[in-house]
N, C-alpha and C. Protein backbone atom coordinates (compact mmCIF):
# COMPACT_ATOMS: atom_id res chain seq x y z
N MET A 1 21.42 38.60 12.91
CA MET A 1 20.70 39.23 11.84
C MET A 1 21.64 39.53 10.69
N ARG A 2 21.12 39.58 9.52
CA ARG A 2 21.94 39.79 8.32
C ARG A 2 22.18 41.28 8.10
N GLU A 3 23.16 41.81 8.81
CA GLU A 3 23.47 43.24 8.69
C GLU A 3 23.88 43.61 7.27
N GLU A 4 24.49 42.68 6.55
CA GLU A 4 24.91 42.98 5.18
C GLU A 4 23.72 43.25 4.26
N HIS A 5 22.53 42.83 4.69
CA HIS A 5 21.31 43.07 3.91
C HIS A 5 20.51 44.24 4.46
N GLY A 6 21.00 44.85 5.56
CA GLY A 6 20.29 45.98 6.15
C GLY A 6 19.12 45.58 7.03
N THR A 7 19.04 44.31 7.39
CA THR A 7 17.92 43.82 8.18
C THR A 7 17.83 44.50 9.54
N GLY A 8 18.95 44.64 10.21
CA GLY A 8 18.95 45.28 11.53
C GLY A 8 18.45 46.70 11.47
N ARG A 9 18.91 47.45 10.48
CA ARG A 9 18.46 48.84 10.32
C ARG A 9 16.97 48.89 10.05
N PHE A 10 16.46 47.97 9.27
CA PHE A 10 15.03 47.92 8.97
C PHE A 10 14.22 47.78 10.26
N PHE A 11 14.60 46.82 11.13
CA PHE A 11 13.84 46.59 12.35
C PHE A 11 14.09 47.65 13.41
N ARG A 12 15.28 48.26 13.45
CA ARG A 12 15.59 49.28 14.46
C ARG A 12 15.13 50.67 14.07
N CYS A 13 15.18 50.99 12.77
CA CYS A 13 14.95 52.38 12.35
C CYS A 13 13.71 52.59 11.48
N LEU A 14 13.50 51.74 10.51
CA LEU A 14 12.44 51.99 9.55
C LEU A 14 11.07 51.47 10.01
N LEU A 15 11.00 50.24 10.43
CA LEU A 15 9.72 49.65 10.83
C LEU A 15 9.07 50.39 12.00
N PRO A 16 9.83 50.81 13.02
CA PRO A 16 9.20 51.50 14.16
C PRO A 16 8.55 52.84 13.81
N ARG A 17 8.79 53.38 12.65
CA ARG A 17 8.12 54.63 12.26
C ARG A 17 6.62 54.41 12.12
N ALA A 18 6.21 53.23 11.70
CA ALA A 18 4.80 52.95 11.47
C ALA A 18 4.24 51.87 12.38
N PHE A 19 5.12 51.11 13.06
CA PHE A 19 4.67 49.98 13.87
C PHE A 19 5.35 49.97 15.23
N HIS A 20 4.65 49.42 16.21
CA HIS A 20 5.28 49.07 17.48
C HIS A 20 5.97 47.73 17.21
N VAL A 21 7.25 47.64 17.49
CA VAL A 21 8.02 46.44 17.18
C VAL A 21 8.56 45.84 18.47
N GLU A 22 8.36 44.53 18.63
CA GLU A 22 8.83 43.82 19.82
C GLU A 22 9.57 42.56 19.39
N LEU A 23 10.77 42.38 19.88
CA LEU A 23 11.51 41.14 19.65
C LEU A 23 10.94 40.08 20.58
N VAL A 24 10.38 39.02 20.02
CA VAL A 24 9.75 37.99 20.85
C VAL A 24 10.59 36.73 20.98
N HIS A 25 11.56 36.53 20.09
CA HIS A 25 12.44 35.37 20.19
C HIS A 25 13.75 35.67 19.48
N CYS A 26 14.85 35.26 20.10
CA CYS A 26 16.16 35.47 19.50
C CYS A 26 17.03 34.25 19.78
N ASP A 27 17.57 33.66 18.73
CA ASP A 27 18.50 32.54 18.85
C ASP A 27 19.76 32.94 18.09
N GLN A 28 20.77 33.40 18.81
CA GLN A 28 22.00 33.88 18.17
C GLN A 28 22.74 32.76 17.44
N GLU A 29 22.69 31.54 17.98
CA GLU A 29 23.40 30.42 17.33
C GLU A 29 22.82 30.12 15.95
N GLN A 30 21.50 30.16 15.84
CA GLN A 30 20.83 29.87 14.58
C GLN A 30 20.60 31.13 13.74
N ASN A 31 20.94 32.30 14.30
CA ASN A 31 20.70 33.59 13.65
C ASN A 31 19.23 33.77 13.32
N ILE A 32 18.38 33.52 14.34
CA ILE A 32 16.93 33.66 14.18
C ILE A 32 16.44 34.77 15.10
N HIS A 33 15.69 35.70 14.52
CA HIS A 33 15.09 36.79 15.28
C HIS A 33 13.62 36.87 14.85
N ILE A 34 12.71 36.72 15.79
CA ILE A 34 11.28 36.78 15.48
C ILE A 34 10.71 38.02 16.16
N TYR A 35 10.02 38.83 15.38
CA TYR A 35 9.46 40.09 15.85
C TYR A 35 7.94 40.06 15.77
N ARG A 36 7.32 40.83 16.65
CA ARG A 36 5.88 41.10 16.58
C ARG A 36 5.76 42.58 16.21
N ALA A 37 4.97 42.87 15.21
CA ALA A 37 4.77 44.26 14.79
C ALA A 37 3.28 44.55 14.73
N THR A 38 2.86 45.63 15.39
CA THR A 38 1.47 46.05 15.35
C THR A 38 1.43 47.51 14.89
N PRO A 39 0.44 47.86 14.09
CA PRO A 39 0.38 49.24 13.59
C PRO A 39 0.26 50.25 14.73
N ARG A 40 0.93 51.36 14.60
CA ARG A 40 0.79 52.44 15.58
C ARG A 40 -0.64 52.97 15.48
N GLY A 41 -1.23 53.24 16.62
CA GLY A 41 -2.59 53.76 16.65
C GLY A 41 -3.65 52.67 16.62
N ALA A 42 -3.23 51.42 16.51
CA ALA A 42 -4.21 50.32 16.52
C ALA A 42 -4.59 49.99 17.95
N GLY A 43 -5.81 49.57 18.13
CA GLY A 43 -6.22 49.10 19.45
C GLY A 43 -6.92 50.13 20.19
């Protein structure tokens, strides 16, 4: 993840305030992280 852009902090700290966040795919060689986010209270 592009830590220099604050991406990790966004997914670890900011997004979970309003969404349930799940890492669904990670490829460290390609630096690809795919997340699923659903609103809190949905469902």
